[in-house]
Structures are given as structure tokens and as C-alpha cells.
Amino acid sequence: MVRDYNNRHALERKLRSAPRPAAADHLMIGHWRTMATVLARAGQAEAVRRAIGSAPELSLRFSGPGEWLVVSEVEAPSGLVRRLEELCDGGAYVVDQSDGRVVFRLTGPNVRSILAKGIGLDVHPAAFSLGGSANVLCGHIPVNLARTDEDTFELIVPRSYAESLFDDLMRMGRAFDLTAAFSD
């Protein structure tokens, strides 16, 4: 028997309906993003962080001591892994995470109020600086939270939790008329 498996986005069923115009507060779902986990070898954490940080087109997200998520909007998965291995020059292990994670980008003037309903972390600009990231729980779901612009946060979640996080974020943003769509 021949089976044809199609690669579908984890939120395809949730966002299938015709998109409506984006409200002031909007949730964009990264259709397909390239990302990898980088785990520095013992004693190499600072050198690896500097090496990856030297590539301005790569977004470095802290995951733990000597461990980062690296997000790229220009590289293919195999290209990102190859590039990171070259940058790290044997100082780190690199694992592609592109198919296993989903990126949510939450923007708008009420983004901090929306996040405060589910995240126990102070996201005030004085406490959570631009470019900062942290592993947190959004309700019961583990996410990597990053502040990427003045009123923009990205949440990276394992693919298996994407629908639950989507439902939670939409419920958290209901009072602010939060809209959602796939990003272009």
C-alpha cells in the first residue's frame, strides 16, 4: 500500500478560514522558520556565543547555560546547520529544530497585558530588554520568549504544543480583539 504523507503546518486547521484584517494587537504565525539548537562543548560557551553573535542575520535566543536557539529567516535548515557548524568551529553541537518548533510573533500596544495573563515574568521594557530571551511557561506550556522589537515578542514552542498555545493566546487576547494569521 502506498501512502502519501503531506507536511502540514501545526496550525493549518486553526488558521484555515479567510484571514481578516489585522487588529492593533496581532498574532503572526511563522509559516516555516529555520532554527537550530546550539549546545556549546565544555569550556566553549563564551567563544560559541561570540561566534554566533558575529552573524547579524542570525537571531540568538538563550535557552540555558551554554545553550541557544538560533533563528534565521534567510537560511534553509541544512544551510543553517552547516553555517553554525562553521561559525562554532567544532566548539558546539548543532541540531536542526525547524520542523519541531513553531514561532509565534505577538505585536501591538497591549502585548505586555496579553502576556501578563499567562506568563509569570516581568516583560516591562526596564526589566526585559530588547533582544532579551528566556525560557518560561505560558500557562502550562514551555516556550522560549524573546523581545524582538519595542512592542513585539516571539514565542517559540514545540510543535506538539502549538495548538494549545494558540488557543491560550487567543483567549488571553480576547479583551484586546487579538487577531491571528500566518505571516507572509
C-alpha atoms as a PDB file:
ATOM      1  CA  MET A   1       0.000   0.000   0.000  1.00  0.00           C
ATOM      2  CA  VAL A   2       1.340   3.435  -0.928  1.00  0.00           C
ATOM      3  CA  ARG A   3       0.696   6.281   1.496  1.00  0.00           C
ATOM      4  CA  ASP A   4       1.158   9.906   0.645  1.00  0.00           C
ATOM      5  CA  TYR A   5       2.160  11.987   3.658  1.00  0.00           C
ATOM      6  CA  ASN A   6       1.883  15.734   3.372  1.00  0.00           C
ATOM      7  CA  ASN A   7       3.913  18.045   5.533  1.00  0.00           C
ATOM      8  CA  ARG A   8       1.390  20.391   7.139  1.00  0.00           C
ATOM      9  CA  HIS A   9       1.856  23.275   9.481  1.00  0.00           C
ATOM     10  CA  ALA A  10       0.714  22.503  13.030  1.00  0.00           C
ATOM     11  CA  LEU A  11      -1.847  25.344  12.916  1.00  0.00           C
ATOM     12  CA  GLU A  12      -3.184  24.821   9.402  1.00  0.00           C
ATOM     13  CA  ARG A  13      -6.637  23.770  10.670  1.00  0.00           C
ATOM     14  CA  LYS A  14      -6.858  26.669  13.135  1.00  0.00           C
ATOM     15  CA  LEU A  15      -5.984  29.335  10.534  1.00  0.00           C
ATOM     16  CA  ARG A  16      -7.757  27.820   7.538  1.00  0.00           C
ATOM     17  CA  SER A  17     -10.583  30.367   7.439  1.00  0.00           C
ATOM     18  CA  ALA A  18     -10.325  33.529   5.359  1.00  0.00           C
ATOM     19  CA  PRO A  19      -7.993  35.990   7.071  1.00  0.00           C
ATOM     20  CA  ARG A  20      -9.480  39.151   8.461  1.00  0.00           C
ATOM     21  CA  PRO A  21      -7.576  42.427   8.634  1.00  0.00           C
ATOM     22  CA  ALA A  22      -5.022  42.602  11.417  1.00  0.00           C
ATOM     23  CA  ALA A  23      -6.131  44.473  14.527  1.00  0.00           C
ATOM     24  CA  ALA A  24      -3.814  46.681  16.586  1.00  0.00           C
ATOM     25  CA  ASP A  25      -2.837  43.571  18.548  1.00  0.00           C
ATOM     26  CA  HIS A  26      -1.977  40.747  16.193  1.00  0.00           C
ATOM     27  CA  LEU A  27      -0.546  37.247  16.389  1.00  0.00           C
ATOM     28  CA  MET A  28       1.528  36.207  13.375  1.00  0.00           C
ATOM     29  CA  ILE A  29       2.448  32.586  12.927  1.00  0.00           C
ATOM     30  CA  GLY A  30       5.756  31.918  11.180  1.00  0.00           C
ATOM     31  CA  HIS A  31       4.785  29.677   8.293  1.00  0.00           C
ATOM     32  CA  TRP A  32       8.140  27.899   8.143  1.00  0.00           C
ATOM     33  CA  ARG A  33      11.102  29.211  10.084  1.00  0.00           C
ATOM     34  CA  THR A  34      14.577  27.788  10.200  1.00  0.00           C
ATOM     35  CA  MET A  35      16.052  27.246  13.639  1.00  0.00           C
ATOM     36  CA  ALA A  36      18.624  25.119  15.375  1.00  0.00           C
ATOM     37  CA  THR A  37      19.703  24.322  18.906  1.00  0.00           C
ATOM     38  CA  VAL A  38      23.359  25.021  19.635  1.00  0.00           C
ATOM     39  CA  LEU A  39      24.943  23.368  22.672  1.00  0.00           C
ATOM     40  CA  ALA A  40      28.476  24.501  23.462  1.00  0.00           C
ATOM     41  CA  ARG A  41      31.114  21.958  24.394  1.00  0.00           C
ATOM     42  CA  ALA A  42      32.592  22.235  27.899  1.00  0.00           C
ATOM     43  CA  GLY A  43      34.544  25.471  28.274  1.00  0.00           C
ATOM     44  CA  GLN A  44      33.459  26.809  24.860  1.00  0.00           C
ATOM     45  CA  ALA A  45      30.244  28.709  25.775  1.00  0.00           C
ATOM     46  CA  GLU A  46      31.621  32.245  25.507  1.00  0.00           C
ATOM     47  CA  ALA A  47      33.514  31.569  22.272  1.00  0.00           C
ATOM     48  CA  VAL A  48      30.423  29.987  20.704  1.00  0.00           C
ATOM     49  CA  ARG A  49      28.187  32.876  21.818  1.00  0.00           C
ATOM     50  CA  ARG A  50      30.588  35.424  20.309  1.00  0.00           C
ATOM     51  CA  ALA A  51      30.924  33.444  17.072  1.00  0.00           C
ATOM     52  CA  ILE A  52      27.174  33.178  16.520  1.00  0.00           C
ATOM     53  CA  GLY A  53      26.643  36.777  17.642  1.00  0.00           C
ATOM     54  CA  SER A  54      29.028  37.908  14.892  1.00  0.00           C
ATOM     55  CA  ALA A  55      26.413  36.953  12.248  1.00  0.00           C
ATOM     56  CA  PRO A  56      23.839  39.797  12.345  1.00  0.00           C
ATOM     57  CA  GLU A  57      21.294  37.879  10.221  1.00  0.00           C
ATOM     58  CA  LEU A  58      21.006  35.182  12.899  1.00  0.00           C
ATOM     59  CA  SER A  59      18.871  35.694  15.995  1.00  0.00           C
ATOM     60  CA  LEU A  60      20.412  34.148  19.097  1.00  0.00           C
ATOM     61  CA  ARG A  61      17.943  33.109  21.858  1.00  0.00           C
ATOM     62  CA  PHE A  62      19.182  31.998  25.275  1.00  0.00           C
ATOM     63  CA  SER A  63      17.919  28.530  26.277  1.00  0.00           C
ATOM     64  CA  GLY A  64      20.223  27.659  29.166  1.00  0.00           C
ATOM     65  CA  PRO A  65      23.872  27.832  30.200  1.00  0.00           C
ATOM     66  CA  GLY A  66      25.860  27.203  27.027  1.00  0.00           C
ATOM     67  CA  GLU A  67      22.685  26.512  25.015  1.00  0.00           C
ATOM     68  CA  TRP A  68      20.873  28.699  22.481  1.00  0.00           C
ATOM     69  CA  LEU A  69      18.132  28.584  19.887  1.00  0.00           C
ATOM     70  CA  VAL A  70      19.288  30.243  16.686  1.00  0.00           C
ATOM     71  CA  VAL A  71      16.573  31.533  14.340  1.00  0.00           C
ATOM     72  CA  SER A  72      17.124  32.502  10.716  1.00  0.00           C
ATOM     73  CA  GLU A  73      14.711  33.961   8.211  1.00  0.00           C
ATOM     74  CA  VAL A  74      17.122  33.609   5.281  1.00  0.00           C
ATOM     75  CA  GLU A  75      18.772  30.182   5.617  1.00  0.00           C
ATOM     76  CA  ALA A  76      17.417  26.755   4.689  1.00  0.00           C
ATOM     77  CA  PRO A  77      17.663  24.175   7.516  1.00  0.00           C
ATOM     78  CA  SER A  78      20.691  22.350   6.082  1.00  0.00           C
ATOM     79  CA  GLY A  79      22.349  25.668   5.284  1.00  0.00           C
ATOM     80  CA  LEU A  80      21.794  26.964   8.811  1.00  0.00           C
ATOM     81  CA  VAL A  81      23.267  23.841  10.398  1.00  0.00           C
ATOM     82  CA  ARG A  82      26.289  23.988   8.091  1.00  0.00           C
ATOM     83  CA  ARG A  83      26.762  27.708   8.758  1.00  0.00           C
ATOM     84  CA  LEU A  84      26.534  27.279  12.533  1.00  0.00           C
ATOM     85  CA  GLU A  85      28.989  24.389  12.488  1.00  0.00           C
ATOM     86  CA  GLU A  86      31.433  26.585  10.547  1.00  0.00           C
ATOM     87  CA  LEU A  87      30.953  29.533  12.909  1.00  0.00           C
ATOM     88  CA  CYS A  88      31.401  27.361  16.005  1.00  0.00           C
ATOM     89  CA  ASP A  89      34.466  25.627  14.547  1.00  0.00           C
ATOM     90  CA  GLY A  90      33.903  22.392  16.467  1.00  0.00           C
ATOM     91  CA  GLY A  91      33.086  24.165  19.731  1.00  0.00           C
ATOM     92  CA  ALA A  92      29.407  23.157  19.768  1.00  0.00           C
ATOM     93  CA  TYR A  93      26.850  20.575  18.803  1.00  0.00           C
ATOM     94  CA  VAL A  94      24.205  21.831  16.347  1.00  0.00           C
ATOM     95  CA  VAL A  95      20.785  20.216  15.872  1.00  0.00           C
ATOM     96  CA  ASP A  96      18.142  21.353  13.375  1.00  0.00           C
ATOM     97  CA  GLN A  97      14.823  22.202  15.087  1.00  0.00           C
ATOM     98  CA  SER A  98      12.950  23.690  12.108  1.00  0.00           C
ATOM     99  CA  ASP A  99      10.256  21.023  11.817  1.00  0.00           C
ATOM    100  CA  GLY A 100       9.881  20.549  15.553  1.00  0.00           C
ATOM    101  CA  ARG A 101       9.131  24.132  16.652  1.00  0.00           C
ATOM    102  CA  VAL A 102       6.600  26.843  15.797  1.00  0.00           C
ATOM    103  CA  VAL A 103       7.259  30.595  16.047  1.00  0.00           C
ATOM    104  CA  PHE A 104       4.504  32.936  17.257  1.00  0.00           C
ATOM    105  CA  ARG A 105       5.068  36.700  16.843  1.00  0.00           C
ATOM    106  CA  LEU A 106       2.821  38.810  19.077  1.00  0.00           C
ATOM    107  CA  THR A 107       2.689  42.531  18.278  1.00  0.00           C
ATOM    108  CA  GLY A 108       0.690  45.532  19.383  1.00  0.00           C
ATOM    109  CA  PRO A 109       0.238  48.162  22.068  1.00  0.00           C
ATOM    110  CA  ASN A 110      -1.316  45.692  24.546  1.00  0.00           C
ATOM    111  CA  VAL A 111       1.191  42.869  24.077  1.00  0.00           C
ATOM    112  CA  ARG A 112       2.509  43.102  27.646  1.00  0.00           C
ATOM    113  CA  SER A 113      -1.008  42.975  29.113  1.00  0.00           C
ATOM    114  CA  ILE A 114      -1.806  39.937  26.978  1.00  0.00           C
ATOM    115  CA  LEU A 115       1.377  38.136  28.028  1.00  0.00           C
ATOM    116  CA  ALA A 116       0.827  39.040  31.700  1.00  0.00           C
ATOM    117  CA  LYS A 117      -2.292  36.862  31.684  1.00  0.00           C
ATOM    118  CA  GLY A 118      -0.253  33.704  31.162  1.00  0.00           C
ATOM    119  CA  ILE A 119       3.441  34.353  31.791  1.00  0.00           C
ATOM    120  CA  GLY A 120       4.951  34.853  35.231  1.00  0.00           C
ATOM    121  CA  LEU A 121       7.784  37.086  34.016  1.00  0.00           C
ATOM    122  CA  ASP A 122       8.080  40.858  34.108  1.00  0.00           C
ATOM    123  CA  VAL A 123       8.075  41.956  30.450  1.00  0.00           C
ATOM    124  CA  HIS A 124       8.249  45.693  31.201  1.00  0.00           C
ATOM    125  CA  PRO A 125      10.894  47.343  28.970  1.00  0.00           C
ATOM    126  CA  ALA A 126      13.035  48.160  32.013  1.00  0.00           C
ATOM    127  CA  ALA A 127      13.075  44.504  33.106  1.00  0.00           C
ATOM    128  CA  PHE A 128      13.043  42.635  29.774  1.00  0.00           C
ATOM    129  CA  SER A 129      15.318  44.429  27.344  1.00  0.00           C
ATOM    130  CA  LEU A 130      15.161  44.458  23.566  1.00  0.00           C
ATOM    131  CA  GLY A 131      16.893  41.312  22.299  1.00  0.00           C
ATOM    132  CA  GLY A 132      16.390  39.525  25.610  1.00  0.00           C
ATOM    133  CA  SER A 133      15.045  35.989  25.791  1.00  0.00           C
ATOM    134  CA  ALA A 134      14.118  33.452  28.444  1.00  0.00           C
ATOM    135  CA  ASN A 135      12.563  30.026  28.828  1.00  0.00           C
ATOM    136  CA  VAL A 136       9.211  30.447  30.581  1.00  0.00           C
ATOM    137  CA  LEU A 137       5.862  28.775  30.997  1.00  0.00           C
ATOM    138  CA  CYS A 138       2.838  30.266  29.263  1.00  0.00           C
ATOM    139  CA  GLY A 139       0.161  28.669  31.394  1.00  0.00           C
ATOM    140  CA  HIS A 140       1.439  25.098  31.392  1.00  0.00           C
ATOM    141  CA  ILE A 141       3.276  25.260  28.056  1.00  0.00           C
ATOM    142  CA  PRO A 142       7.080  25.652  27.867  1.00  0.00           C
ATOM    143  CA  VAL A 143       8.090  28.459  25.495  1.00  0.00           C
ATOM    144  CA  ASN A 144      11.185  30.424  24.620  1.00  0.00           C
ATOM    145  CA  LEU A 145      10.123  34.084  24.879  1.00  0.00           C
ATOM    146  CA  ALA A 146      12.124  36.819  23.121  1.00  0.00           C
ATOM    147  CA  ARG A 147      11.560  40.558  22.814  1.00  0.00           C
ATOM    148  CA  THR A 148      12.371  41.396  19.198  1.00  0.00           C
ATOM    149  CA  ASP A 149      11.061  44.972  18.923  1.00  0.00           C
ATOM    150  CA  GLU A 150       9.510  47.685  21.084  1.00  0.00           C
ATOM    151  CA  ASP A 151       6.047  46.062  21.202  1.00  0.00           C
ATOM    152  CA  THR A 152       6.880  42.681  19.642  1.00  0.00           C
ATOM    153  CA  PHE A 153       7.574  39.362  21.316  1.00  0.00           C
ATOM    154  CA  GLU A 154       8.261  35.969  19.780  1.00  0.00           C
ATOM    155  CA  LEU A 155       7.292  32.730  21.442  1.00  0.00           C
ATOM    156  CA  ILE A 156       8.921  29.528  20.196  1.00  0.00           C
ATOM    157  CA  VAL A 157       7.094  26.385  21.193  1.00  0.00           C
ATOM    158  CA  PRO A 158       7.489  22.678  20.457  1.00  0.00           C
ATOM    159  CA  ARG A 159       5.227  21.726  17.551  1.00  0.00           C
ATOM    160  CA  SER A 160       3.124  19.380  19.677  1.00  0.00           C
ATOM    161  CA  TYR A 161       2.077  22.310  21.918  1.00  0.00           C
ATOM    162  CA  ALA A 162       1.322  24.780  19.095  1.00  0.00           C
ATOM    163  CA  GLU A 163      -2.469  24.338  19.047  1.00  0.00           C
ATOM    164  CA  SER A 164      -2.752  24.633  22.827  1.00  0.00           C
ATOM    165  CA  LEU A 165      -0.581  27.762  22.893  1.00  0.00           C
ATOM    166  CA  PHE A 166      -2.559  29.269  20.018  1.00  0.00           C
ATOM    167  CA  ASP A 167      -5.846  28.701  21.868  1.00  0.00           C
ATOM    168  CA  ASP A 168      -4.404  30.127  25.098  1.00  0.00           C
ATOM    169  CA  LEU A 169      -3.011  33.244  23.394  1.00  0.00           C
ATOM    170  CA  MET A 170      -6.284  33.906  21.593  1.00  0.00           C
ATOM    171  CA  ARG A 171      -8.168  33.565  24.896  1.00  0.00           C
ATOM    172  CA  MET A 172      -5.627  35.829  26.649  1.00  0.00           C
ATOM    173  CA  GLY A 173      -6.028  38.434  23.889  1.00  0.00           C
ATOM    174  CA  ARG A 174      -9.814  38.293  23.578  1.00  0.00           C
ATOM    175  CA  ALA A 175     -10.296  41.519  25.591  1.00  0.00           C
ATOM    176  CA  PHE A 176      -7.955  43.315  23.163  1.00  0.00           C
ATOM    177  CA  ASP A 177      -9.556  41.940  19.963  1.00  0.00           C
ATOM    178  CA  LEU A 178      -6.409  39.945  19.141  1.00  0.00           C
ATOM    179  CA  THR A 179      -6.346  38.704  15.547  1.00  0.00           C
ATOM    180  CA  ALA A 180      -4.183  35.927  14.080  1.00  0.00           C
ATOM    181  CA  ALA A 181      -2.854  34.873  10.687  1.00  0.00           C
ATOM    182  CA  PHE A 182       0.097  33.209   9.027  1.00  0.00           C
ATOM    183  CA  SER A 183       2.902  35.667   8.311  1.00  0.00           C
ATOM    184  CA  ASP A 184       3.859  36.253   4.694  1.00  0.00           C
END
